[in-house]
Amino acid sequence: MENKKHEMELLVHMFFGTLIFSVLAMPAVGLDLAAQWATSIGVSKFTAAALSGSSDILLAMDLTLFAAYISKTSWLFVKEMFK
């Protein structure tokens, strides 16, 4: 019984972790939209590229950390299942 309770805690932890990483990805989307808007109003190519590059880096970092988080939490979940 204790095992099932801990498994449920890990699943809830994974759900809310996923939700948090989704929220953290939103600034990357905002930066990408800002880069597109900046290009459309005639801002210099360097500024638009800087916005776009920042967006790409932020999203890549978020996805890398998310993959590490899901891998670690999944490993803990599997270990708990076979305990």
N, C-alpha and C. Protein backbone atom coordinates (compact mmCIF):
# COMPACT_ATOMS: atom_id res chain seq x y z
N MET A 1 0.81 -1.20 0.00
CA MET A 1 0.00 0.00 0.00
C MET A 1 0.86 1.27 0.00
N GLU A 2 1.91 1.23 0.79
CA GLU A 2 2.82 2.38 0.86
C GLU A 2 3.48 2.62 -0.50
N ASN A 3 3.78 1.53 -1.21
CA ASN A 3 4.40 1.61 -2.53
C ASN A 3 3.50 2.36 -3.51
N LYS A 4 2.21 2.04 -3.50
CA LYS A 4 1.25 2.69 -4.42
C LYS A 4 1.15 4.19 -4.12
N LYS A 5 1.19 4.53 -2.84
CA LYS A 5 1.10 5.94 -2.45
C LYS A 5 2.32 6.70 -2.98
N HIS A 6 3.49 6.09 -2.85
CA HIS A 6 4.71 6.74 -3.33
C HIS A 6 4.71 6.85 -4.85
N GLU A 7 4.21 5.83 -5.54
CA GLU A 7 4.12 5.86 -7.00
C GLU A 7 3.22 7.01 -7.45
N MET A 8 2.10 7.18 -6.74
CA MET A 8 1.17 8.26 -7.09
C MET A 8 1.82 9.62 -6.86
N GLU A 9 2.59 9.75 -5.79
CA GLU A 9 3.31 11.00 -5.53
C GLU A 9 4.27 11.31 -6.67
N LEU A 10 4.98 10.29 -7.16
CA LEU A 10 5.92 10.50 -8.26
C LEU A 10 5.19 10.91 -9.54
N LEU A 11 4.04 10.30 -9.81
CA LEU A 11 3.28 10.66 -11.01
C LEU A 11 2.77 12.09 -10.92
N VAL A 12 2.29 12.49 -9.75
CA VAL A 12 1.83 13.87 -9.57
C VAL A 12 3.01 14.83 -9.72
N HIS A 13 4.16 14.43 -9.17
CA HIS A 13 5.38 15.24 -9.28
C HIS A 13 5.77 15.42 -10.76
N MET A 14 5.68 14.35 -11.53
CA MET A 14 6.00 14.43 -12.97
C MET A 14 5.01 15.34 -13.69
N PHE A 15 3.73 15.23 -13.34
CA PHE A 15 2.72 16.06 -14.00
C PHE A 15 2.98 17.54 -13.76
N PHE A 16 3.19 17.91 -12.49
CA PHE A 16 3.41 19.32 -12.19
C PHE A 16 4.76 19.81 -12.71
N GLY A 17 5.75 18.94 -12.75
CA GLY A 17 7.03 19.30 -13.35
C GLY A 17 6.88 19.60 -14.83
N THR A 18 6.09 18.78 -15.52
CA THR A 18 5.82 19.01 -16.94
C THR A 18 5.09 20.33 -17.14
N LEU A 19 4.14 20.60 -16.27
CA LEU A 19 3.39 21.85 -16.35
C LEU A 19 4.32 23.06 -16.16
N ILE A 20 5.22 22.97 -15.21
CA ILE A 20 6.16 24.06 -14.95
C ILE A 20 7.09 24.27 -16.14
N PHE A 21 7.61 23.19 -16.72
CA PHE A 21 8.49 23.33 -17.88
C PHE A 21 7.73 23.92 -19.08
N SER A 22 6.44 23.60 -19.20
CA SER A 22 5.64 24.20 -20.27
C SER A 22 5.52 25.71 -20.09
N VAL A 23 5.30 26.12 -18.85
CA VAL A 23 5.20 27.56 -18.55
C VAL A 23 6.54 28.24 -18.83
N LEU A 24 7.65 27.56 -18.50
CA LEU A 24 8.96 28.16 -18.73
C LEU A 24 9.31 28.23 -20.21
N ALA A 25 8.65 27.46 -21.05
CA ALA A 25 8.90 27.52 -22.49
C ALA A 25 8.19 28.71 -23.14
N MET A 26 7.21 29.26 -22.46
CA MET A 26 6.45 30.37 -23.05
C MET A 26 7.29 31.60 -23.37
N PRO A 27 8.26 31.99 -22.54
CA PRO A 27 9.10 33.14 -22.93
C PRO A 27 9.86 32.89 -24.25
N ALA A 28 10.24 31.66 -24.52
CA ALA A 28 10.92 31.36 -25.78
C ALA A 28 9.97 31.61 -26.95
N VAL A 29 8.73 31.23 -26.79
CA VAL A 29 7.73 31.47 -27.84
C VAL A 29 7.52 32.97 -28.00
N GLY A 30 7.46 33.68 -26.87
CA GLY A 30 7.31 35.13 -26.93
C GLY A 30 8.47 35.82 -27.64
N LEU A 31 9.69 35.36 -27.36
CA LEU A 31 10.86 35.93 -28.04
C LEU A 31 10.82 35.66 -29.54
N ASP A 32 10.38 34.48 -29.91
CA ASP A 32 10.29 34.14 -31.34
C ASP A 32 9.25 35.04 -32.03
N LEU A 33 8.12 35.22 -31.37
CA LEU A 33 7.10 36.11 -31.93
C LEU A 33 7.62 37.55 -32.01
N ALA A 34 8.38 37.97 -31.01
CA ALA A 34 8.96 39.31 -31.02
C ALA A 34 9.95 39.46 -32.17
N ALA A 35 10.71 38.41 -32.46
CA ALA A 35 11.66 38.46 -33.57
C ALA A 35 10.93 38.60 -34.90
N GLN A 36 9.85 37.86 -35.06
CA GLN A 36 9.06 37.97 -36.29
C GLN A 36 8.45 39.36 -36.44
N TRP A 37 7.93 39.87 -35.33
CA TRP A 37 7.34 41.21 -35.35
C TRP A 37 8.40 42.26 -35.65
N ALA A 38 9.58 42.13 -35.04
CA ALA A 38 10.66 43.09 -35.26
C ALA A 38 11.07 43.11 -36.73
N THR A 39 11.11 41.94 -37.34
CA THR A 39 11.45 41.86 -38.77
C THR A 39 10.40 42.56 -39.61
N SER A 40 9.14 42.39 -39.23
CA SER A 40 8.06 42.98 -40.03
C SER A 40 8.00 44.50 -39.93
N ILE A 41 8.52 45.07 -38.84
CA ILE A 41 8.48 46.54 -38.72
C ILE A 41 9.79 47.19 -39.17
N GLY A 42 10.74 46.37 -39.62
CA GLY A 42 11.95 46.93 -40.20
C GLY A 42 13.10 47.15 -39.24
N VAL A 43 13.09 46.46 -38.10
CA VAL A 43 14.22 46.56 -37.17
C VAL A 43 15.43 45.89 -37.82
N SER A 44 16.62 46.27 -37.40
CA SER A 44 17.83 45.73 -38.03
C SER A 44 17.85 44.20 -37.95
N LYS A 45 18.52 43.62 -38.94
CA LYS A 45 18.60 42.16 -39.00
C LYS A 45 19.32 41.59 -37.78
N PHE A 46 20.30 42.33 -37.27
CA PHE A 46 21.05 41.87 -36.11
C PHE A 46 20.12 41.73 -34.88
N THR A 47 19.27 42.73 -34.67
CA THR A 47 18.36 42.70 -33.53
C THR A 47 17.37 41.55 -33.66
N ALA A 48 16.82 41.38 -34.84
CA ALA A 48 15.89 40.27 -35.07
C ALA A 48 16.59 38.93 -34.89
N ALA A 49 17.82 38.83 -35.37
CA ALA A 49 18.58 37.58 -35.22
C ALA A 49 18.92 37.32 -33.75
N ALA A 50 19.22 38.39 -33.01
CA ALA A 50 19.51 38.23 -31.58
C ALA A 50 18.28 37.73 -30.83
N LEU A 51 17.12 38.28 -31.15
CA LEU A 51 15.88 37.82 -30.53
C LEU A 51 15.59 36.36 -30.88
N SER A 52 15.75 36.05 -32.15
CA SER A 52 15.50 34.68 -32.60
C SER A 52 16.50 33.69 -31.99
N GLY A 53 17.77 34.08 -31.96
CA GLY A 53 18.79 33.21 -31.36
C GLY A 53 18.56 33.00 -29.88
N SER A 54 18.16 34.06 -29.18
CA SER A 54 17.85 33.93 -27.75
C SER A 54 16.69 32.98 -27.53
N SER A 55 15.71 33.08 -28.40
CA SER A 55 14.56 32.18 -28.32
C SER A 55 14.99 30.73 -28.52
N ASP A 56 15.83 30.49 -29.50
CA ASP A 56 16.29 29.12 -29.78
C ASP A 56 17.10 28.57 -28.62
N ILE A 57 17.99 29.38 -28.06
CA ILE A 57 18.83 28.93 -26.94
C ILE A 57 17.97 28.63 -25.72
N LEU A 58 17.04 29.52 -25.43
CA LEU A 58 16.16 29.33 -24.27
C LEU A 58 15.33 28.07 -24.40
N LEU A 59 14.78 27.83 -25.57
CA LEU A 59 13.97 26.63 -25.79
C LEU A 59 14.84 25.37 -25.72
N ALA A 60 16.03 25.42 -26.31
CA ALA A 60 16.92 24.26 -26.26
C ALA A 60 17.32 23.92 -24.82
N MET A 61 17.61 24.94 -24.02
CA MET A 61 17.96 24.71 -22.62
C MET A 61 16.77 24.13 -21.86
N ASP A 62 15.59 24.67 -22.11
CA ASP A 62 14.39 24.19 -21.44
C ASP A 62 14.13 22.72 -21.80
N LEU A 63 14.23 22.39 -23.06
CA LEU A 63 13.99 21.01 -23.49
C LEU A 63 15.04 20.04 -22.94
N THR A 64 16.29 20.48 -22.89
CA THR A 64 17.36 19.64 -22.34
C THR A 64 17.12 19.37 -20.86
N LEU A 65 16.80 20.41 -20.11
CA LEU A 65 16.53 20.23 -18.68
C LEU A 65 15.26 19.42 -18.45
N PHE A 66 14.27 19.59 -19.30
CA PHE A 66 13.04 18.80 -19.20
C PHE A 66 13.32 17.33 -19.44
N ALA A 67 14.13 17.02 -20.45
CA ALA A 67 14.48 15.62 -20.73
C ALA A 67 15.24 15.01 -19.55
N ALA A 68 16.15 15.77 -18.96
CA ALA A 68 16.89 15.27 -17.80
C ALA A 68 15.94 15.04 -16.62
N TYR A 69 15.02 15.96 -16.41
CA TYR A 69 14.05 15.84 -15.32
C TYR A 69 13.16 14.61 -15.50
N ILE A 70 12.62 14.44 -16.71
CA ILE A 70 11.74 13.30 -16.97
C ILE A 70 12.52 11.99 -16.85
N SER A 71 13.75 11.96 -17.34
CA SER A 71 14.57 10.75 -17.24
C SER A 71 14.81 10.38 -15.77
N LYS A 72 15.20 11.36 -14.98
CA LYS A 72 15.47 11.09 -13.56
C LYS A 72 14.21 10.64 -12.83
N THR A 73 13.12 11.36 -13.04
CA THR A 73 11.88 11.02 -12.35
C THR A 73 11.34 9.67 -12.81
N SER A 74 11.47 9.38 -14.09
CA SER A 74 11.03 8.07 -14.60
C SER A 74 11.86 6.95 -13.99
N TRP A 75 13.15 7.18 -13.86
CA TRP A 75 14.02 6.18 -13.25
C TRP A 75 13.61 5.93 -11.80
N LEU A 76 13.33 6.99 -11.06
CA LEU A 76 12.87 6.84 -9.68
C LEU A 76 11.54 6.10 -9.61
N PHE A 77 10.66 6.38 -10.58
CA PHE A 77 9.36 5.71 -10.64
C PHE A 77 9.52 4.21 -10.89
N VAL A 78 10.37 3.87 -11.84
CA VAL A 78 10.60 2.45 -12.16
C VAL A 78 11.24 1.73 -10.96
N LYS A 79 12.21 2.38 -10.33
CA LYS A 79 12.83 1.79 -9.14
C LYS A 79 11.80 1.54 -8.05
N GLU A 80 10.89 2.49 -7.88
CA GLU A 80 9.87 2.36 -6.84
C GLU A 80 8.88 1.25 -7.17
N MET A 81 8.58 1.08 -8.45
CA MET A 81 7.63 0.03 -8.86
C MET A 81 8.18 -1.36 -8.54
N PHE A 82 9.46 -1.56 -8.70
CA PHE A 82 10.05 -2.89 -8.52
C PHE A 82 10.70 -3.06 -7.15
N LYS A 83 10.38 -2.20 -6.23
CA LYS A 83 10.92 -2.28 -4.88
C LYS A 83 10.29 -3.42 -4.12
